[in-house]
Amino acid sequence: MSSVRSGPYICGIDAAMDVVGGKWKSVILWELESKGTRRFGELKRGLPGVSEKVLIQQLRELEEDDIVHREVYREVPPRVEYSLTELGVSLNAALEPLGDWGLRRMELIGAEHVAH
């Protein structure tokens, strides 16, 4: 871990949202959970609408918080892969009930579910 953010926090939800806050972090976690280890380009293709700049920033923050592991392979051309850490896997498990709630809400309001 490099520079994990460390509060102060009002409650546990505040501390958790500090890690997953932002439009793309939760879907990055979902993508890595559902598809496994991914290269940057694979992540970008799996998350339509995210800019390269934002994806890089979100991945860096998740790496700083020890949620995502970044593995650099010294090859030509260089290869970089992203995967969930043990902490990232446990965070996804904690977010699963929230995802279930979101699916129920989507059904209730008739929201579109983008095929992935």
PDB file of N, CA and C in Angstrom:
ATOM      1  N   MET A   1       0.842  -1.176   0.000  1.00  0.00           N
ATOM      2  CA  MET A   1       0.000   0.000   0.000  1.00  0.00           C
ATOM      3  C   MET A   1       0.884   1.236   0.000  1.00  0.00           C
ATOM      4  N   SER A   2       0.476   2.198  -0.823  1.00  0.00           N
ATOM      5  CA  SER A   2       1.255   3.427  -0.829  1.00  0.00           C
ATOM      6  C   SER A   2       0.630   4.456   0.100  1.00  0.00           C
ATOM      7  N   SER A   3      -0.297   5.271  -0.375  1.00  0.00           N
ATOM      8  CA  SER A   3      -0.819   6.360   0.457  1.00  0.00           C
ATOM      9  C   SER A   3      -2.323   6.219   0.658  1.00  0.00           C
ATOM     10  N   VAL A   4      -2.723   5.264   1.448  1.00  0.00           N
ATOM     11  CA  VAL A   4      -4.136   5.026   1.715  1.00  0.00           C
ATOM     12  C   VAL A   4      -4.727   6.239   2.427  1.00  0.00           C
ATOM     13  N   ARG A   5      -5.889   6.667   1.951  1.00  0.00           N
ATOM     14  CA  ARG A   5      -6.580   7.778   2.605  1.00  0.00           C
ATOM     15  C   ARG A   5      -7.078   7.300   3.961  1.00  0.00           C
ATOM     16  N   SER A   6      -7.046   8.198   4.955  1.00  0.00           N
ATOM     17  CA  SER A   6      -7.329   7.724   6.312  1.00  0.00           C
ATOM     18  C   SER A   6      -8.212   8.667   7.132  1.00  0.00           C
ATOM     19  N   GLY A   7      -9.205   9.242   6.489  1.00  0.00           N
ATOM     20  CA  GLY A   7     -10.210   9.990   7.244  1.00  0.00           C
ATOM     21  C   GLY A   7      -9.778  11.376   7.629  1.00  0.00           C
ATOM     22  N   PRO A   8     -10.423  11.966   8.623  1.00  0.00           N
ATOM     23  CA  PRO A   8     -11.392  11.387   9.571  1.00  0.00           C
ATOM     24  C   PRO A   8     -12.737  11.095   8.900  1.00  0.00           C
ATOM     25  N   TYR A   9     -13.440  10.122   9.451  1.00  0.00           N
ATOM     26  CA  TYR A   9     -14.729   9.697   8.918  1.00  0.00           C
ATOM     27  C   TYR A   9     -15.809   9.822   9.976  1.00  0.00           C
ATOM     28  N   ILE A  10     -17.026  10.040   9.513  1.00  0.00           N
ATOM     29  CA  ILE A  10     -18.182  10.155  10.403  1.00  0.00           C
ATOM     30  C   ILE A  10     -18.688   8.765  10.800  1.00  0.00           C
ATOM     31  N   CYS A  11     -18.642   7.826   9.837  1.00  0.00           N
ATOM     32  CA  CYS A  11     -19.142   6.470  10.090  1.00  0.00           C
ATOM     33  C   CYS A  11     -18.522   5.519   9.073  1.00  0.00           C
ATOM     34  N   GLY A  12     -18.865   4.241   9.188  1.00  0.00           N
ATOM     35  CA  GLY A  12     -18.326   3.237   8.269  1.00  0.00           C
ATOM     36  C   GLY A  12     -18.737   3.468   6.822  1.00  0.00           C
ATOM     37  N   ILE A  13     -19.966   3.915   6.608  1.00  0.00           N
ATOM     38  CA  ILE A  13     -20.425   4.198   5.238  1.00  0.00           C
ATOM     39  C   ILE A  13     -19.559   5.300   4.630  1.00  0.00           C
ATOM     40  N   ASP A  14     -19.237   6.310   5.406  1.00  0.00           N
ATOM     41  CA  ASP A  14     -18.380   7.407   4.957  1.00  0.00           C
ATOM     42  C   ASP A  14     -17.015   6.865   4.517  1.00  0.00           C
ATOM     43  N   ALA A  15     -16.439   5.984   5.315  1.00  0.00           N
ATOM     44  CA  ALA A  15     -15.132   5.399   4.991  1.00  0.00           C
ATOM     45  C   ALA A  15     -15.217   4.531   3.736  1.00  0.00           C
ATOM     46  N   ALA A  16     -16.295   3.763   3.601  1.00  0.00           N
ATOM     47  CA  ALA A  16     -16.470   2.906   2.426  1.00  0.00           C
ATOM     48  C   ALA A  16     -16.668   3.750   1.164  1.00  0.00           C
ATOM     49  N   MET A  17     -17.474   4.785   1.263  1.00  0.00           N
ATOM     50  CA  MET A  17     -17.742   5.627   0.095  1.00  0.00           C
ATOM     51  C   MET A  17     -16.491   6.393  -0.332  1.00  0.00           C
ATOM     52  N   ASP A  18     -15.583   6.631   0.586  1.00  0.00           N
ATOM     53  CA  ASP A  18     -14.315   7.259   0.234  1.00  0.00           C
ATOM     54  C   ASP A  18     -13.544   6.378  -0.750  1.00  0.00           C
ATOM     55  N   VAL A  19     -13.693   5.075  -0.607  1.00  0.00           N
ATOM     56  CA  VAL A  19     -12.987   4.136  -1.478  1.00  0.00           C
ATOM     57  C   VAL A  19     -13.741   3.915  -2.787  1.00  0.00           C
ATOM     58  N   VAL A  20     -15.061   3.788  -2.747  1.00  0.00           N
ATOM     59  CA  VAL A  20     -15.820   3.458  -3.964  1.00  0.00           C
ATOM     60  C   VAL A  20     -16.502   4.660  -4.593  1.00  0.00           C
ATOM     61  N   GLY A  21     -16.336   5.839  -3.990  1.00  0.00           N
ATOM     62  CA  GLY A  21     -16.956   7.032  -4.540  1.00  0.00           C
ATOM     63  C   GLY A  21     -16.461   7.317  -5.950  1.00  0.00           C
ATOM     64  N   GLY A  22     -17.301   7.907  -6.738  1.00  0.00           N
ATOM     65  CA  GLY A  22     -16.969   8.175  -8.135  1.00  0.00           C
ATOM     66  C   GLY A  22     -17.775   7.252  -9.023  1.00  0.00           C
ATOM     67  N   LYS A  23     -18.110   7.737 -10.201  1.00  0.00           N
ATOM     68  CA  LYS A  23     -19.007   7.007 -11.095  1.00  0.00           C
ATOM     69  C   LYS A  23     -18.457   5.646 -11.526  1.00  0.00           C
ATOM     70  N   TRP A  24     -17.159   5.518 -11.672  1.00  0.00           N
ATOM     71  CA  TRP A  24     -16.601   4.332 -12.330  1.00  0.00           C
ATOM     72  C   TRP A  24     -16.020   3.283 -11.401  1.00  0.00           C
ATOM     73  N   LYS A  25     -15.705   3.607 -10.160  1.00  0.00           N
ATOM     74  CA  LYS A  25     -15.008   2.647  -9.301  1.00  0.00           C
ATOM     75  C   LYS A  25     -15.813   1.372  -9.067  1.00  0.00           C
ATOM     76  N   SER A  26     -17.082   1.504  -8.770  1.00  0.00           N
ATOM     77  CA  SER A  26     -17.883   0.303  -8.500  1.00  0.00           C
ATOM     78  C   SER A  26     -18.004  -0.570  -9.737  1.00  0.00           C
ATOM     79  N   VAL A  27     -18.093   0.034 -10.929  1.00  0.00           N
ATOM     80  CA  VAL A  27     -18.194  -0.799 -12.135  1.00  0.00           C
ATOM     81  C   VAL A  27     -16.841  -1.372 -12.534  1.00  0.00           C
ATOM     82  N   ILE A  28     -15.748  -0.703 -12.177  1.00  0.00           N
ATOM     83  CA  ILE A  28     -14.419  -1.298 -12.355  1.00  0.00           C
ATOM     84  C   ILE A  28     -14.319  -2.552 -11.487  1.00  0.00           C
ATOM     85  N   LEU A  29     -14.763  -2.443 -10.240  1.00  0.00           N
ATOM     86  CA  LEU A  29     -14.752  -3.600  -9.336  1.00  0.00           C
ATOM     87  C   LEU A  29     -15.616  -4.725  -9.888  1.00  0.00           C
ATOM     88  N   TRP A  30     -16.792  -4.370 -10.390  1.00  0.00           N
ATOM     89  CA  TRP A  30     -17.701  -5.376 -10.951  1.00  0.00           C
ATOM     90  C   TRP A  30     -17.059  -6.058 -12.160  1.00  0.00           C
ATOM     91  N   GLU A  31     -16.442  -5.289 -13.037  1.00  0.00           N
ATOM     92  CA  GLU A  31     -15.790  -5.826 -14.232  1.00  0.00           C
ATOM     93  C   GLU A  31     -14.670  -6.798 -13.850  1.00  0.00           C
ATOM     94  N   LEU A  32     -13.844  -6.411 -12.874  1.00  0.00           N
ATOM     95  CA  LEU A  32     -12.745  -7.285 -12.459  1.00  0.00           C
ATOM     96  C   LEU A  32     -13.265  -8.532 -11.748  1.00  0.00           C
ATOM     97  N   GLU A  33     -14.359  -8.399 -11.010  1.00  0.00           N
ATOM     98  CA  GLU A  33     -14.953  -9.560 -10.329  1.00  0.00           C
ATOM     99  C   GLU A  33     -15.558 -10.527 -11.344  1.00  0.00           C
ATOM    100  N   SER A  34     -16.287  -9.992 -12.305  1.00  0.00           N
ATOM    101  CA  SER A  34     -17.006 -10.861 -13.237  1.00  0.00           C
ATOM    102  C   SER A  34     -16.119 -11.414 -14.348  1.00  0.00           C
ATOM    103  N   LYS A  35     -15.098 -10.652 -14.763  1.00  0.00           N
ATOM    104  CA  LYS A  35     -14.260 -11.082 -15.890  1.00  0.00           C
ATOM    105  C   LYS A  35     -12.868 -11.520 -15.475  1.00  0.00           C
ATOM    106  N   GLY A  36     -12.486 -11.252 -14.226  1.00  0.00           N
ATOM    107  CA  GLY A  36     -11.145 -11.630 -13.764  1.00  0.00           C
ATOM    108  C   GLY A  36     -10.095 -10.609 -14.168  1.00  0.00           C
ATOM    109  N   THR A  37      -8.855 -11.006 -14.123  1.00  0.00           N
ATOM    110  CA  THR A  37      -7.731 -10.134 -14.448  1.00  0.00           C
ATOM    111  C   THR A  37      -7.910  -9.563 -15.846  1.00  0.00           C
ATOM    112  N   ARG A  38      -7.705  -8.246 -15.966  1.00  0.00           N
ATOM    113  CA  ARG A  38      -7.918  -7.566 -17.238  1.00  0.00           C
ATOM    114  C   ARG A  38      -6.749  -6.642 -17.545  1.00  0.00           C
ATOM    115  N   ARG A  39      -6.467  -6.507 -18.832  1.00  0.00           N
ATOM    116  CA  ARG A  39      -5.535  -5.487 -19.288  1.00  0.00           C
ATOM    117  C   ARG A  39      -6.291  -4.175 -19.407  1.00  0.00           C
ATOM    118  N   PHE A  40      -5.556  -3.071 -19.483  1.00  0.00           N
ATOM    119  CA  PHE A  40      -6.188  -1.750 -19.511  1.00  0.00           C
ATOM    120  C   PHE A  40      -7.198  -1.642 -20.657  1.00  0.00           C
ATOM    121  N   GLY A  41      -6.815  -2.040 -21.847  1.00  0.00           N
ATOM    122  CA  GLY A  41      -7.705  -1.948 -23.010  1.00  0.00           C
ATOM    123  C   GLY A  41      -8.964  -2.776 -22.835  1.00  0.00           C
ATOM    124  N   GLU A  42      -8.831  -3.938 -22.207  1.00  0.00           N
ATOM    125  CA  GLU A  42     -10.000  -4.784 -21.948  1.00  0.00           C
ATOM    126  C   GLU A  42     -10.950  -4.102 -20.968  1.00  0.00           C
ATOM    127  N   LEU A  43     -10.374  -3.472 -19.939  1.00  0.00           N
ATOM    128  CA  LEU A  43     -11.205  -2.732 -18.982  1.00  0.00           C
ATOM    129  C   LEU A  43     -11.926  -1.585 -19.677  1.00  0.00           C
ATOM    130  N   LYS A  44     -11.201  -0.837 -20.502  1.00  0.00           N
ATOM    131  CA  LYS A  44     -11.790   0.310 -21.197  1.00  0.00           C
ATOM    132  C   LYS A  44     -12.940  -0.138 -22.098  1.00  0.00           C
ATOM    133  N   ARG A  45     -12.754  -1.223 -22.836  1.00  0.00           N
ATOM    134  CA  ARG A  45     -13.823  -1.743 -23.700  1.00  0.00           C
ATOM    135  C   ARG A  45     -15.012  -2.247 -22.888  1.00  0.00           C
ATOM    136  N   GLY A  46     -14.747  -2.774 -21.705  1.00  0.00           N
ATOM    137  CA  GLY A  46     -15.822  -3.288 -20.857  1.00  0.00           C
ATOM    138  C   GLY A  46     -16.603  -2.215 -20.133  1.00  0.00           C
ATOM    139  N   LEU A  47     -16.117  -0.974 -20.198  1.00  0.00           N
ATOM    140  CA  LEU A  47     -16.761   0.143 -19.503  1.00  0.00           C
ATOM    141  C   LEU A  47     -17.043   1.261 -20.498  1.00  0.00           C
ATOM    142  N   PRO A  48     -18.011   1.062 -21.392  1.00  0.00           N
ATOM    143  CA  PRO A  48     -18.280   2.074 -22.412  1.00  0.00           C
ATOM    144  C   PRO A  48     -18.638   3.419 -21.765  1.00  0.00           C
ATOM    145  N   GLY A  49     -18.029   4.466 -22.275  1.00  0.00           N
ATOM    146  CA  GLY A  49     -18.307   5.807 -21.772  1.00  0.00           C
ATOM    147  C   GLY A  49     -17.221   6.370 -20.881  1.00  0.00           C
ATOM    148  N   VAL A  50     -16.353   5.529 -20.344  1.00  0.00           N
ATOM    149  CA  VAL A  50     -15.286   6.049 -19.482  1.00  0.00           C
ATOM    150  C   VAL A  50     -14.142   6.551 -20.365  1.00  0.00           C
ATOM    151  N   SER A  51     -13.599   7.711 -20.015  1.00  0.00           N
ATOM    152  CA  SER A  51     -12.449   8.225 -20.751  1.00  0.00           C
ATOM    153  C   SER A  51     -11.187   7.541 -20.239  1.00  0.00           C
ATOM    154  N   GLU A  52     -10.166   7.541 -21.061  1.00  0.00           N
ATOM    155  CA  GLU A  52      -8.899   6.930 -20.667  1.00  0.00           C
ATOM    156  C   GLU A  52      -8.338   7.628 -19.431  1.00  0.00           C
ATOM    157  N   LYS A  53      -8.411   8.957 -19.404  1.00  0.00           N
ATOM    158  CA  LYS A  53      -7.891   9.740 -18.280  1.00  0.00           C
ATOM    159  C   LYS A  53      -8.585   9.366 -16.974  1.00  0.00           C
ATOM    160  N   VAL A  54      -9.908   9.284 -17.005  1.00  0.00           N
ATOM    161  CA  VAL A  54     -10.678   8.964 -15.802  1.00  0.00           C
ATOM    162  C   VAL A  54     -10.401   7.533 -15.363  1.00  0.00           C
ATOM    163  N   LEU A  55     -10.340   6.606 -16.311  1.00  0.00           N
ATOM    164  CA  LEU A  55     -10.063   5.208 -15.963  1.00  0.00           C
ATOM    165  C   LEU A  55      -8.702   5.082 -15.292  1.00  0.00           C
ATOM    166  N   ILE A  56      -7.704   5.745 -15.825  1.00  0.00           N
ATOM    167  CA  ILE A  56      -6.368   5.713 -15.219  1.00  0.00           C
ATOM    168  C   ILE A  56      -6.421   6.264 -13.796  1.00  0.00           C
ATOM    169  N   GLN A  57      -7.103   7.388 -13.615  1.00  0.00           N
ATOM    170  CA  GLN A  57      -7.201   8.021 -12.296  1.00  0.00           C
ATOM    171  C   GLN A  57      -7.913   7.111 -11.301  1.00  0.00           C
ATOM    172  N   GLN A  58      -9.025   6.521 -11.713  1.00  0.00           N
ATOM    173  CA  GLN A  58      -9.791   5.659 -10.819  1.00  0.00           C
ATOM    174  C   GLN A  58      -8.996   4.408 -10.462  1.00  0.00           C
ATOM    175  N   LEU A  59      -8.295   3.823 -11.429  1.00  0.00           N
ATOM    176  CA  LEU A  59      -7.469   2.644 -11.164  1.00  0.00           C
ATOM    177  C   LEU A  59      -6.340   2.981 -10.182  1.00  0.00           C
ATOM    178  N   ARG A  60      -5.727   4.150 -10.351  1.00  0.00           N
ATOM    179  CA  ARG A  60      -4.653   4.563  -9.433  1.00  0.00           C
ATOM    180  C   ARG A  60      -5.168   4.690  -8.007  1.00  0.00           C
ATOM    181  N   GLU A  61      -6.349   5.303  -7.860  1.00  0.00           N
ATOM    182  CA  GLU A  61      -6.915   5.465  -6.522  1.00  0.00           C
ATOM    183  C   GLU A  61      -7.267   4.114  -5.907  1.00  0.00           C
ATOM    184  N   LEU A  62      -7.824   3.215  -6.705  1.00  0.00           N
ATOM    185  CA  LEU A  62      -8.147   1.877  -6.196  1.00  0.00           C
ATOM    186  C   LEU A  62      -6.875   1.117  -5.824  1.00  0.00           C
ATOM    187  N   GLU A  63      -5.817   1.335  -6.573  1.00  0.00           N
ATOM    188  CA  GLU A  63      -4.533   0.712  -6.247  1.00  0.00           C
ATOM    189  C   GLU A  63      -3.975   1.292  -4.944  1.00  0.00           C
ATOM    190  N   GLU A  64      -4.071   2.618  -4.767  1.00  0.00           N
ATOM    191  CA  GLU A  64      -3.599   3.256  -3.535  1.00  0.00           C
ATOM    192  C   GLU A  64      -4.350   2.724  -2.316  1.00  0.00           C
ATOM    193  N   ASP A  65      -5.628   2.403  -2.496  1.00  0.00           N
ATOM    194  CA  ASP A  65      -6.449   1.897  -1.401  1.00  0.00           C
ATOM    195  C   ASP A  65      -6.344   0.378  -1.240  1.00  0.00           C
ATOM    196  N   ASP A  66      -5.432  -0.251  -1.992  1.00  0.00           N
ATOM    197  CA  ASP A  66      -5.181  -1.694  -1.926  1.00  0.00           C
ATOM    198  C   ASP A  66      -6.416  -2.518  -2.306  1.00  0.00           C
ATOM    199  N   ILE A  67      -7.203  -1.998  -3.234  1.00  0.00           N
ATOM    200  CA  ILE A  67      -8.392  -2.690  -3.728  1.00  0.00           C
ATOM    201  C   ILE A  67      -8.064  -3.407  -5.038  1.00  0.00           C
ATOM    202  N   VAL A  68      -7.209  -2.779  -5.840  1.00  0.00           N
ATOM    203  CA  VAL A  68      -6.812  -3.319  -7.140  1.00  0.00           C
ATOM    204  C   VAL A  68      -5.296  -3.493  -7.148  1.00  0.00           C
ATOM    205  N   HIS A  69      -4.859  -4.603  -7.726  1.00  0.00           N
ATOM    206  CA  HIS A  69      -3.423  -4.878  -7.897  1.00  0.00           C
ATOM    207  C   HIS A  69      -3.065  -4.604  -9.353  1.00  0.00           C
ATOM    208  N   ARG A  70      -1.977  -3.885  -9.549  1.00  0.00           N
ATOM    209  CA  ARG A  70      -1.469  -3.576 -10.889  1.00  0.00           C
ATOM    210  C   ARG A  70      -0.171  -4.332 -11.084  1.00  0.00           C
ATOM    211  N   GLU A  71      -0.160  -5.224 -12.065  1.00  0.00           N
ATOM    212  CA  GLU A  71       1.029  -6.036 -12.351  1.00  0.00           C
ATOM    213  C   GLU A  71       1.621  -5.589 -13.680  1.00  0.00           C
ATOM    214  N   VAL A  72       2.884  -5.156 -13.642  1.00  0.00           N
ATOM    215  CA  VAL A  72       3.580  -4.718 -14.849  1.00  0.00           C
ATOM    216  C   VAL A  72       4.538  -5.822 -15.275  1.00  0.00           C
ATOM    217  N   TYR A  73       4.381  -6.272 -16.516  1.00  0.00           N
ATOM    218  CA  TYR A  73       5.268  -7.299 -17.074  1.00  0.00           C
ATOM    219  C   TYR A  73       6.301  -6.605 -17.954  1.00  0.00           C
ATOM    220  N   ARG A  74       7.551  -6.857 -17.652  1.00  0.00           N
ATOM    221  CA  ARG A  74       8.649  -6.220 -18.391  1.00  0.00           C
ATOM    222  C   ARG A  74       8.841  -6.937 -19.725  1.00  0.00           C
ATOM    223  N   GLU A  75       7.963  -6.625 -20.655  1.00  0.00           N
ATOM    224  CA  GLU A  75       8.012  -7.207 -21.992  1.00  0.00           C
ATOM    225  C   GLU A  75       8.042  -6.070 -22.998  1.00  0.00           C
ATOM    226  N   VAL A  76       8.262  -6.409 -24.246  1.00  0.00           N
ATOM    227  CA  VAL A  76       8.172  -5.430 -25.324  1.00  0.00           C
ATOM    228  C   VAL A  76       7.092  -5.918 -26.274  1.00  0.00           C
ATOM    229  N   PRO A  77       6.010  -5.176 -26.422  1.00  0.00           N
ATOM    230  CA  PRO A  77       5.643  -3.978 -25.668  1.00  0.00           C
ATOM    231  C   PRO A  77       5.249  -4.347 -24.234  1.00  0.00           C
ATOM    232  N   PRO A  78       5.337  -3.383 -23.308  1.00  0.00           N
ATOM    233  CA  PRO A  78       5.012  -3.660 -21.905  1.00  0.00           C
ATOM    234  C   PRO A  78       3.552  -4.089 -21.750  1.00  0.00           C
ATOM    235  N   ARG A  79       3.307  -4.969 -20.819  1.00  0.00           N
ATOM    236  CA  ARG A  79       1.953  -5.457 -20.546  1.00  0.00           C
ATOM    237  C   ARG A  79       1.637  -5.152 -19.087  1.00  0.00           C
ATOM    238  N   VAL A  80       0.448  -4.588 -18.863  1.00  0.00           N
ATOM    239  CA  VAL A  80      -0.003  -4.260 -17.513  1.00  0.00           C
ATOM    240  C   VAL A  80      -1.354  -4.928 -17.309  1.00  0.00           C
ATOM    241  N   GLU A  81      -1.507  -5.625 -16.189  1.00  0.00           N
ATOM    242  CA  GLU A  81      -2.770  -6.285 -15.868  1.00  0.00           C
ATOM    243  C   GLU A  81      -3.277  -5.824 -14.512  1.00  0.00           C
ATOM    244  N   TYR A  82      -4.595  -5.761 -14.408  1.00  0.00           N
ATOM    245  CA  TYR A  82      -5.252  -5.338 -13.170  1.00  0.00           C
ATOM    246  C   TYR A  82      -6.091  -6.482 -12.639  1.00  0.00           C
ATOM    247  N   SER A  83      -6.055  -6.658 -11.328  1.00  0.00           N
ATOM    248  CA  SER A  83      -6.859  -7.688 -10.675  1.00  0.00           C
ATOM    249  C   SER A  83      -7.273  -7.179  -9.304  1.00  0.00           C
ATOM    250  N   LEU A  84      -8.245  -7.860  -8.716  1.00  0.00           N
ATOM    251  CA  LEU A  84      -8.689  -7.498  -7.378  1.00  0.00           C
ATOM    252  C   LEU A  84      -7.752  -8.082  -6.334  1.00  0.00           C
ATOM    253  N   THR A  85      -7.493  -7.328  -5.290  1.00  0.00           N
ATOM    254  CA  THR A  85      -6.770  -7.841  -4.136  1.00  0.00           C
ATOM    255  C   THR A  85      -7.783  -8.570  -3.246  1.00  0.00           C
ATOM    256  N   GLU A  86      -7.303  -9.161  -2.189  1.00  0.00           N
ATOM    257  CA  GLU A  86      -8.197  -9.806  -1.222  1.00  0.00           C
ATOM    258  C   GLU A  86      -9.183  -8.787  -0.645  1.00  0.00           C
ATOM    259  N   LEU A  87      -8.680  -7.588  -0.377  1.00  0.00           N
ATOM    260  CA  LEU A  87      -9.540  -6.513   0.126  1.00  0.00           C
ATOM    261  C   LEU A  87     -10.583  -6.113  -0.922  1.00  0.00           C
ATOM    262  N   GLY A  88     -10.177  -6.105  -2.199  1.00  0.00           N
ATOM    263  CA  GLY A  88     -11.109  -5.793  -3.281  1.00  0.00           C
ATOM    264  C   GLY A  88     -12.204  -6.833  -3.412  1.00  0.00           C
ATOM    265  N   VAL A  89     -11.854  -8.099  -3.266  1.00  0.00           N
ATOM    266  CA  VAL A  89     -12.848  -9.174  -3.305  1.00  0.00           C
ATOM    267  C   VAL A  89     -13.842  -9.011  -2.159  1.00  0.00           C
ATOM    268  N   SER A  90     -13.336  -8.681  -0.965  1.00  0.00           N
ATOM    269  CA  SER A  90     -14.235  -8.511   0.179  1.00  0.00           C
ATOM    270  C   SER A  90     -15.115  -7.270  -0.002  1.00  0.00           C
ATOM    271  N   LEU A  91     -14.595  -6.227  -0.643  1.00  0.00           N
ATOM    272  CA  LEU A  91     -15.401  -5.037  -0.921  1.00  0.00           C
ATOM    273  C   LEU A  91     -16.520  -5.373  -1.899  1.00  0.00           C
ATOM    274  N   ASN A  92     -16.214  -6.141  -2.923  1.00  0.00           N
ATOM    275  CA  ASN A  92     -17.261  -6.561  -3.869  1.00  0.00           C
ATOM    276  C   ASN A  92     -18.344  -7.362  -3.160  1.00  0.00           C
ATOM    277  N   ALA A  93     -17.955  -8.233  -2.246  1.00  0.00           N
ATOM    278  CA  ALA A  93     -18.948  -9.011  -1.492  1.00  0.00           C
ATOM    279  C   ALA A  93     -19.836  -8.077  -0.669  1.00  0.00           C
ATOM    280  N   ALA A  94     -19.244  -7.035  -0.108  1.00  0.00           N
ATOM    281  CA  ALA A  94     -20.023  -6.072   0.676  1.00  0.00           C
ATOM    282  C   ALA A  94     -20.958  -5.257  -0.215  1.00  0.00           C
ATOM    283  N   LEU A  95     -20.557  -5.018  -1.462  1.00  0.00           N
ATOM    284  CA  LEU A  95     -21.378  -4.224  -2.386  1.00  0.00           C
ATOM    285  C   LEU A  95     -22.496  -5.036  -3.043  1.00  0.00           C
ATOM    286  N   GLU A  96     -22.405  -6.366  -2.979  1.00  0.00           N
ATOM    287  CA  GLU A  96     -23.389  -7.214  -3.650  1.00  0.00           C
ATOM    288  C   GLU A  96     -24.837  -6.910  -3.237  1.00  0.00           C
ATOM    289  N   PRO A  97     -25.144  -6.770  -1.939  1.00  0.00           N
ATOM    290  CA  PRO A  97     -26.529  -6.418  -1.575  1.00  0.00           C
ATOM    291  C   PRO A  97     -26.967  -5.068  -2.143  1.00  0.00           C
ATOM    292  N   LEU A  98     -26.051  -4.131  -2.252  1.00  0.00           N
ATOM    293  CA  LEU A  98     -26.372  -2.839  -2.843  1.00  0.00           C
ATOM    294  C   LEU A  98     -26.703  -3.007  -4.331  1.00  0.00           C
ATOM    295  N   GLY A  99     -25.950  -3.867  -5.016  1.00  0.00           N
ATOM    296  CA  GLY A  99     -26.234  -4.167  -6.421  1.00  0.00           C
ATOM    297  C   GLY A  99     -27.593  -4.812  -6.590  1.00  0.00           C
ATOM    298  N   ASP A 100     -27.946  -5.722  -5.691  1.00  0.00           N
ATOM    299  CA  ASP A 100     -29.270  -6.355  -5.732  1.00  0.00           C
ATOM    300  C   ASP A 100     -30.367  -5.315  -5.549  1.00  0.00           C
ATOM    301  N   TRP A 101     -30.153  -4.400  -4.617  1.00  0.00           N
ATOM    302  CA  TRP A 101     -31.107  -3.321  -4.386  1.00  0.00           C
ATOM    303  C   TRP A 101     -31.259  -2.476  -5.646  1.00  0.00           C
ATOM    304  N   GLY A 102     -30.119  -2.180  -6.289  1.00  0.00           N
ATOM    305  CA  GLY A 102     -30.138  -1.384  -7.516  1.00  0.00           C
ATOM    306  C   GLY A 102     -30.902  -2.070  -8.631  1.00  0.00           C
ATOM    307  N   LEU A 103     -30.758  -3.399  -8.765  1.00  0.00           N
ATOM    308  CA  LEU A 103     -31.507  -4.137  -9.790  1.00  0.00           C
ATOM    309  C   LEU A 103     -33.004  -4.059  -9.526  1.00  0.00           C
ATOM    310  N   ARG A 104     -33.388  -4.195  -8.259  1.00  0.00           N
ATOM    311  CA  ARG A 104     -34.813  -4.071  -7.910  1.00  0.00           C
ATOM    312  C   ARG A 104     -35.324  -2.679  -8.237  1.00  0.00           C
ATOM    313  N   ARG A 105     -34.524  -1.673  -7.957  1.00  0.00           N
ATOM    314  CA  ARG A 105     -34.925  -0.298  -8.272  1.00  0.00           C
ATOM    315  C   ARG A 105     -35.052  -0.095  -9.778  1.00  0.00           C
ATOM    316  N   MET A 106     -34.124  -0.662 -10.554  1.00  0.00           N
ATOM    317  CA  MET A 106     -34.199  -0.556 -12.009  1.00  0.00           C
ATOM    318  C   MET A 106     -35.515  -1.129 -12.520  1.00  0.00           C
ATOM    319  N   GLU A 107     -35.901  -2.278 -11.980  1.00  0.00           N
ATOM    320  CA  GLU A 107     -37.170  -2.896 -12.377  1.00  0.00           C
ATOM    321  C   GLU A 107     -38.348  -2.004 -11.989  1.00  0.00           C
ATOM    322  N   LEU A 108     -38.304  -1.473 -10.788  1.00  0.00           N
ATOM    323  CA  LEU A 108     -39.381  -0.629 -10.275  1.00  0.00           C
ATOM    324  C   LEU A 108     -39.597   0.612 -11.132  1.00  0.00           C
ATOM    325  N   ILE A 109     -38.524   1.243 -11.563  1.00  0.00           N
ATOM    326  CA  ILE A 109     -38.656   2.481 -12.334  1.00  0.00           C
ATOM    327  C   ILE A 109     -38.596   2.244 -13.842  1.00  0.00           C
ATOM    328  N   GLY A 110     -38.414   0.983 -14.248  1.00  0.00           N
ATOM    329  CA  GLY A 110     -38.366   0.666 -15.677  1.00  0.00           C
ATOM    330  C   GLY A 110     -37.108   1.166 -16.364  1.00  0.00           C
ATOM    331  N   ALA A 111     -36.000   1.186 -15.634  1.00  0.00           N
ATOM    332  CA  ALA A 111     -34.730   1.681 -16.195  1.00  0.00           C
ATOM    333  C   ALA A 111     -34.147   0.661 -17.162  1.00  0.00           C
ATOM    334  N   GLU A 112     -33.476   1.170 -18.154  1.00  0.00           N
ATOM    335  CA  GLU A 112     -32.807   0.328 -19.153  1.00  0.00           C
ATOM    336  C   GLU A 112     -31.617  -0.370 -18.525  1.00  0.00           C
ATOM    337  N   HIS A 113     -31.406  -1.624 -18.874  1.00  0.00           N
ATOM    338  CA  HIS A 113     -30.241  -2.388 -18.430  1.00  0.00           C
ATOM    339  C   HIS A 113     -29.350  -2.590 -19.647  1.00  0.00           C
ATOM    340  N   VAL A 114     -28.210  -1.957 -19.674  1.00  0.00           N
ATOM    341  CA  VAL A 114     -27.301  -2.033 -20.795  1.00  0.00           C
ATOM    342  C   VAL A 114     -26.677  -3.424 -20.835  1.00  0.00           C
ATOM    343  N   ALA A 115     -26.815  -4.106 -21.967  1.00  0.00           N
ATOM    344  CA  ALA A 115     -26.213  -5.438 -22.122  1.00  0.00           C
ATOM    345  C   ALA A 115     -24.701  -5.298 -22.094  1.00  0.00           C
ATOM    346  N   HIS A 116     -24.054  -6.238 -21.442  1.00  0.00           N
ATOM    347  CA  HIS A 116     -22.590  -6.162 -21.292  1.00  0.00           C
ATOM    348  C   HIS A 116     -21.990  -7.467 -21.731  1.00  0.00           C
TER     349      HIS A 116
END
